[in-house]
């Protein structure tokens, strides 16, 4: 049920992103619009990663724990959004990519050990 809801929200977020890209500019939309844009990007990436994680768990034959799957998806989905934020600040290099990967891997490690 949650996966279907996330796919519907992801589709709605894609529509909102396309509307924002076509009808506004970053300076014209203001800080709240930029926040909405990054939130919508996160929702889209979370929906896609959620499907990939659920598919991977089913393919590997692990015991299904939906809560853990959603936490993994949330942590992994934050990586591309973080890279997009870093890119918007203009300091995108190999070190920032490495630190983002380390952050996501450590987050997944904590999820694995705590849940």
N, C-alpha and C. Protein backbone atom coordinates (compact mmCIF):
# COMPACT_ATOMS: atom_id res chain seq x y z
N UNK A 1 0.82 -1.20 0.00
CA UNK A 1 0.00 0.00 0.00
C UNK A 1 0.87 1.27 0.00
N UNK A 2 1.89 1.26 0.86
CA UNK A 2 2.77 2.43 0.95
C UNK A 2 3.52 2.65 -0.35
N UNK A 3 3.94 1.57 -0.99
CA UNK A 3 4.68 1.69 -2.25
C UNK A 3 3.82 2.32 -3.33
N UNK A 4 2.55 1.92 -3.39
CA UNK A 4 1.64 2.51 -4.38
C UNK A 4 1.41 3.99 -4.09
N UNK A 5 1.26 4.32 -2.82
CA UNK A 5 1.07 5.73 -2.44
C UNK A 5 2.30 6.55 -2.81
N UNK A 6 3.48 5.99 -2.57
CA UNK A 6 4.71 6.72 -2.91
C UNK A 6 4.85 6.90 -4.42
N UNK A 7 4.42 5.92 -5.20
CA UNK A 7 4.49 6.07 -6.64
C UNK A 7 3.53 7.16 -7.13
N UNK A 8 2.35 7.23 -6.51
CA UNK A 8 1.40 8.28 -6.86
C UNK A 8 1.95 9.65 -6.48
N UNK A 9 2.54 9.75 -5.29
CA UNK A 9 3.14 11.02 -4.86
C UNK A 9 4.34 11.39 -5.74
N UNK A 10 5.11 10.40 -6.15
CA UNK A 10 6.24 10.67 -7.04
C UNK A 10 5.78 11.20 -8.38
N UNK A 11 4.71 10.62 -8.90
CA UNK A 11 4.16 11.11 -10.17
C UNK A 11 3.66 12.55 -10.02
N UNK A 12 2.99 12.84 -8.93
CA UNK A 12 2.53 14.20 -8.67
C UNK A 12 3.72 15.16 -8.52
N UNK A 13 4.78 14.70 -7.86
CA UNK A 13 5.97 15.54 -7.68
C UNK A 13 6.65 15.81 -9.02
N UNK A 14 6.68 14.83 -9.91
CA UNK A 14 7.25 15.05 -11.25
C UNK A 14 6.47 16.11 -11.99
N UNK A 15 5.15 16.06 -11.89
CA UNK A 15 4.31 17.06 -12.56
C UNK A 15 4.58 18.45 -11.99
N UNK A 16 4.72 18.56 -10.67
CA UNK A 16 5.01 19.85 -10.03
C UNK A 16 6.39 20.36 -10.46
N UNK A 17 7.39 19.46 -10.51
CA UNK A 17 8.73 19.87 -10.94
C UNK A 17 8.71 20.38 -12.37
N UNK A 18 8.04 19.66 -13.25
CA UNK A 18 7.96 20.10 -14.65
C UNK A 18 7.26 21.44 -14.78
N UNK A 19 6.21 21.65 -13.99
CA UNK A 19 5.52 22.95 -14.02
C UNK A 19 6.43 24.06 -13.51
N UNK A 20 7.19 23.78 -12.44
CA UNK A 20 8.10 24.80 -11.90
C UNK A 20 9.21 25.13 -12.89
N UNK A 21 9.74 24.11 -13.56
CA UNK A 21 10.82 24.34 -14.51
C UNK A 21 10.33 25.15 -15.71
N UNK A 22 9.11 24.88 -16.16
CA UNK A 22 8.60 25.55 -17.36
C UNK A 22 8.06 26.95 -17.11
N UNK A 23 7.55 27.22 -15.91
CA UNK A 23 6.85 28.49 -15.69
C UNK A 23 7.56 29.47 -14.77
N UNK A 24 8.65 29.07 -14.12
CA UNK A 24 9.31 29.97 -13.19
C UNK A 24 10.82 29.94 -13.38
N UNK A 25 11.48 30.88 -12.72
CA UNK A 25 12.94 30.89 -12.65
C UNK A 25 13.32 30.81 -11.18
N UNK A 26 14.54 30.39 -10.86
CA UNK A 26 14.92 30.31 -9.45
C UNK A 26 14.86 31.66 -8.72
N UNK A 27 15.19 32.74 -9.42
CA UNK A 27 15.12 34.04 -8.76
C UNK A 27 13.68 34.51 -8.64
N UNK A 28 12.83 34.13 -9.57
CA UNK A 28 11.44 34.56 -9.53
C UNK A 28 10.60 33.79 -8.54
N UNK A 29 10.98 32.57 -8.25
CA UNK A 29 10.16 31.74 -7.37
C UNK A 29 10.50 31.99 -5.90
N UNK A 30 11.69 32.43 -5.60
CA UNK A 30 12.06 32.77 -4.24
C UNK A 30 12.53 31.57 -3.44
N UNK A 31 12.89 31.81 -2.17
CA UNK A 31 13.42 30.74 -1.32
C UNK A 31 12.41 29.62 -1.05
N UNK A 32 11.17 29.96 -0.86
CA UNK A 32 10.16 28.94 -0.60
C UNK A 32 9.97 28.03 -1.81
N UNK A 33 10.01 28.60 -2.99
CA UNK A 33 9.90 27.81 -4.21
C UNK A 33 11.08 26.88 -4.40
N UNK A 34 12.27 27.34 -4.04
CA UNK A 34 13.46 26.48 -4.13
C UNK A 34 13.33 25.33 -3.13
N UNK A 35 12.82 25.62 -1.95
CA UNK A 35 12.59 24.56 -0.96
C UNK A 35 11.57 23.54 -1.48
N UNK A 36 10.51 24.03 -2.10
CA UNK A 36 9.50 23.13 -2.68
C UNK A 36 10.13 22.28 -3.79
N UNK A 37 10.97 22.89 -4.61
CA UNK A 37 11.63 22.16 -5.69
C UNK A 37 12.48 21.02 -5.15
N UNK A 38 13.34 21.30 -4.17
CA UNK A 38 14.21 20.26 -3.62
C UNK A 38 13.40 19.19 -2.89
N UNK A 39 12.30 19.58 -2.25
CA UNK A 39 11.43 18.60 -1.60
C UNK A 39 10.79 17.69 -2.63
N UNK A 40 10.35 18.25 -3.74
CA UNK A 40 9.74 17.43 -4.79
C UNK A 40 10.78 16.49 -5.42
N UNK A 41 11.99 16.97 -5.59
CA UNK A 41 13.06 16.10 -6.12
C UNK A 41 13.30 14.95 -5.16
N UNK A 42 13.31 15.23 -3.86
CA UNK A 42 13.51 14.17 -2.86
C UNK A 42 12.37 13.15 -2.93
N UNK A 43 11.14 13.61 -3.07
CA UNK A 43 10.00 12.69 -3.14
C UNK A 43 10.10 11.79 -4.37
N UNK A 44 10.50 12.36 -5.50
CA UNK A 44 10.66 11.56 -6.72
C UNK A 44 11.76 10.52 -6.54
N UNK A 45 12.90 10.94 -6.04
CA UNK A 45 14.01 10.02 -5.86
C UNK A 45 13.65 8.95 -4.82
N UNK A 46 12.95 9.34 -3.76
CA UNK A 46 12.54 8.37 -2.74
C UNK A 46 11.61 7.33 -3.32
N UNK A 47 10.68 7.73 -4.17
CA UNK A 47 9.78 6.77 -4.80
C UNK A 47 10.52 5.77 -5.67
N UNK A 48 11.47 6.25 -6.45
CA UNK A 48 12.24 5.36 -7.33
C UNK A 48 13.13 4.44 -6.51
N UNK A 49 13.82 4.98 -5.52
CA UNK A 49 14.71 4.17 -4.70
C UNK A 49 13.91 3.16 -3.87
N UNK A 50 12.72 3.56 -3.43
CA UNK A 50 11.87 2.65 -2.67
C UNK A 50 11.52 1.42 -3.53
N UNK A 51 11.17 1.65 -4.78
CA UNK A 51 10.89 0.53 -5.67
C UNK A 51 12.13 -0.35 -5.87
N UNK A 52 13.28 0.27 -6.02
CA UNK A 52 14.51 -0.50 -6.21
C UNK A 52 14.86 -1.33 -4.98
N UNK A 53 14.71 -0.75 -3.80
CA UNK A 53 15.02 -1.47 -2.57
C UNK A 53 14.06 -2.64 -2.36
N UNK A 54 12.77 -2.40 -2.56
CA UNK A 54 11.78 -3.47 -2.41
C UNK A 54 12.06 -4.58 -3.43
N UNK A 55 12.37 -4.21 -4.66
CA UNK A 55 12.70 -5.20 -5.67
C UNK A 55 13.95 -5.99 -5.33
N UNK A 56 14.96 -5.30 -4.81
CA UNK A 56 16.21 -5.97 -4.43
C UNK A 56 15.98 -6.95 -3.29
N UNK A 57 15.19 -6.55 -2.30
CA UNK A 57 14.92 -7.43 -1.16
C UNK A 57 14.15 -8.67 -1.62
N UNK A 58 13.18 -8.48 -2.50
CA UNK A 58 12.43 -9.62 -3.02
C UNK A 58 13.30 -10.52 -3.88
N UNK A 59 14.17 -9.93 -4.69
CA UNK A 59 15.05 -10.70 -5.56
C UNK A 59 16.05 -11.53 -4.76
N UNK A 60 16.59 -10.94 -3.71
CA UNK A 60 17.58 -11.64 -2.89
C UNK A 60 16.94 -12.65 -1.94
N UNK A 61 15.64 -12.56 -1.72
CA UNK A 61 14.95 -13.51 -0.86
C UNK A 61 15.11 -13.25 0.62
N UNK A 62 15.44 -12.01 0.98
CA UNK A 62 15.56 -11.68 2.40
C UNK A 62 14.19 -11.62 3.05
N UNK A 63 14.20 -11.70 4.37
CA UNK A 63 12.96 -11.54 5.12
C UNK A 63 12.52 -10.10 5.00
N UNK A 64 11.25 -9.89 4.67
CA UNK A 64 10.75 -8.54 4.41
C UNK A 64 10.44 -7.82 5.71
N UNK A 65 11.05 -6.68 5.88
CA UNK A 65 10.69 -5.76 6.96
C UNK A 65 10.48 -4.40 6.29
N UNK A 66 9.21 -4.06 6.11
CA UNK A 66 8.91 -2.84 5.35
C UNK A 66 9.48 -1.60 5.99
N UNK A 67 9.48 -1.54 7.31
CA UNK A 67 9.99 -0.34 7.98
C UNK A 67 11.47 -0.13 7.65
N UNK A 68 12.23 -1.21 7.69
CA UNK A 68 13.65 -1.11 7.39
C UNK A 68 13.88 -0.74 5.92
N UNK A 69 13.06 -1.29 5.03
CA UNK A 69 13.17 -0.96 3.62
C UNK A 69 12.93 0.52 3.37
N UNK A 70 11.95 1.08 4.05
CA UNK A 70 11.65 2.50 3.87
C UNK A 70 12.76 3.39 4.43
N UNK A 71 13.36 2.97 5.54
CA UNK A 71 14.48 3.74 6.09
C UNK A 71 15.68 3.71 5.14
N UNK A 72 15.98 2.53 4.59
CA UNK A 72 17.06 2.44 3.61
C UNK A 72 16.78 3.34 2.41
N UNK A 73 15.55 3.28 1.91
CA UNK A 73 15.20 4.10 0.75
C UNK A 73 15.33 5.58 1.06
N UNK A 74 14.90 5.98 2.26
CA UNK A 74 15.00 7.40 2.64
C UNK A 74 16.45 7.85 2.72
N UNK A 75 17.31 6.99 3.26
CA UNK A 75 18.72 7.35 3.39
C UNK A 75 19.40 7.40 2.03
N UNK A 76 19.15 6.43 1.20
CA UNK A 76 19.78 6.39 -0.13
C UNK A 76 19.26 7.53 -1.00
N UNK A 77 17.99 7.87 -0.87
CA UNK A 77 17.41 8.95 -1.68
C UNK A 77 17.96 10.31 -1.30
N UNK A 78 18.46 10.43 -0.10
CA UNK A 78 19.01 11.72 0.31
C UNK A 78 20.35 12.02 -0.38
N UNK A 79 21.05 10.99 -0.83
CA UNK A 79 22.35 11.18 -1.49
C UNK A 79 22.27 12.01 -2.76
N UNK A 80 21.43 11.66 -3.74
CA UNK A 80 21.36 12.48 -4.96
C UNK A 80 20.87 13.90 -4.69
N UNK A 81 19.97 14.06 -3.73
CA UNK A 81 19.49 15.41 -3.41
C UNK A 81 20.62 16.23 -2.79
N UNK A 82 21.43 15.58 -1.94
CA UNK A 82 22.57 16.27 -1.36
C UNK A 82 23.57 16.68 -2.44
N UNK A 83 23.80 15.80 -3.41
CA UNK A 83 24.70 16.15 -4.51
C UNK A 83 24.15 17.31 -5.34
N UNK A 84 22.84 17.33 -5.55
CA UNK A 84 22.21 18.43 -6.28
C UNK A 84 22.35 19.75 -5.51
N UNK A 85 22.19 19.69 -4.20
CA UNK A 85 22.38 20.89 -3.38
C UNK A 85 23.83 21.37 -3.43
N UNK A 86 24.76 20.44 -3.34
CA UNK A 86 26.18 20.81 -3.42
C UNK A 86 26.49 21.43 -4.78
N UNK A 87 25.91 20.87 -5.82
CA UNK A 87 26.12 21.40 -7.17
C UNK A 87 25.56 22.81 -7.30
N UNK A 88 24.45 23.08 -6.64
CA UNK A 88 23.86 24.41 -6.73
C UNK A 88 24.72 25.46 -6.02
N UNK A 89 25.52 25.03 -5.05
CA UNK A 89 26.43 25.96 -4.39
C UNK A 89 27.73 26.15 -5.17
N UNK A 90 27.97 25.29 -6.15
CA UNK A 90 29.13 25.45 -7.02
C UNK A 90 30.40 24.80 -6.53
N UNK A 91 30.33 23.96 -5.51
CA UNK A 91 31.55 23.32 -5.00
C UNK A 91 31.50 21.82 -5.23
N UNK A 92 31.24 21.44 -6.45
CA UNK A 92 31.08 20.03 -6.81
C UNK A 92 32.42 19.48 -7.28
N UNK A 93 33.05 18.61 -6.48
CA UNK A 93 34.30 17.97 -6.89
C UNK A 93 34.33 16.55 -6.37
N UNK A 94 35.41 15.86 -6.58
CA UNK A 94 35.52 14.46 -6.20
C UNK A 94 35.43 14.27 -4.68
N UNK A 95 35.95 15.20 -3.92
CA UNK A 95 35.91 15.08 -2.46
C UNK A 95 34.48 15.17 -1.94
N UNK A 96 33.67 16.07 -2.51
CA UNK A 96 32.29 16.18 -2.04
C UNK A 96 31.47 14.95 -2.43
N UNK A 97 31.76 14.38 -3.58
CA UNK A 97 31.08 13.14 -3.97
C UNK A 97 31.47 12.02 -2.99
N UNK A 98 32.74 11.93 -2.67
CA UNK A 98 33.20 10.92 -1.72
C UNK A 98 32.59 11.08 -0.35
N UNK A 99 32.51 12.33 0.14
CA UNK A 99 31.92 12.56 1.45
C UNK A 99 30.43 12.24 1.46
N UNK A 100 29.75 12.51 0.36
CA UNK A 100 28.33 12.17 0.27
C UNK A 100 28.13 10.66 0.28
N UNK A 101 28.96 9.95 -0.46
CA UNK A 101 28.87 8.49 -0.48
C UNK A 101 29.15 7.92 0.91
N UNK A 102 30.15 8.44 1.59
CA UNK A 102 30.46 7.99 2.94
C UNK A 102 29.28 8.27 3.88
N UNK A 103 28.67 9.43 3.77
CA UNK A 103 27.52 9.78 4.59
C UNK A 103 26.37 8.80 4.38
N UNK A 104 26.07 8.48 3.13
CA UNK A 104 24.96 7.55 2.83
C UNK A 104 25.30 6.15 3.32
N UNK A 105 26.53 5.70 3.12
CA UNK A 105 26.93 4.37 3.58
C UNK A 105 26.87 4.28 5.10
N UNK A 106 27.35 5.30 5.79
CA UNK A 106 27.28 5.30 7.26
C UNK A 106 25.83 5.33 7.74
N UNK A 107 24.99 6.07 7.05
CA UNK A 107 23.57 6.09 7.42
C UNK A 107 22.93 4.72 7.25
N UNK A 108 23.25 4.03 6.16
CA UNK A 108 22.71 2.68 5.94
C UNK A 108 23.28 1.71 6.98
N UNK A 109 24.53 1.90 7.38
CA UNK A 109 25.12 1.06 8.42
C UNK A 109 24.39 1.25 9.74
N UNK A 110 24.08 2.47 10.10
CA UNK A 110 23.35 2.74 11.34
C UNK A 110 21.95 2.13 11.28
N UNK A 111 21.29 2.25 10.14
CA UNK A 111 19.96 1.64 9.98
C UNK A 111 20.05 0.14 10.14
N UNK A 112 21.08 -0.47 9.58
CA UNK A 112 21.25 -1.92 9.66
C UNK A 112 21.49 -2.37 11.11
N UNK A 113 22.25 -1.60 11.86
CA UNK A 113 22.59 -2.01 13.23
C UNK A 113 21.50 -1.67 14.25
N UNK A 114 20.77 -0.60 14.03
CA UNK A 114 19.79 -0.17 15.02
C UNK A 114 18.41 -0.79 14.86
N UNK A 115 18.04 -1.20 13.65
CA UNK A 115 16.70 -1.74 13.45
C UNK A 115 16.70 -3.24 13.34
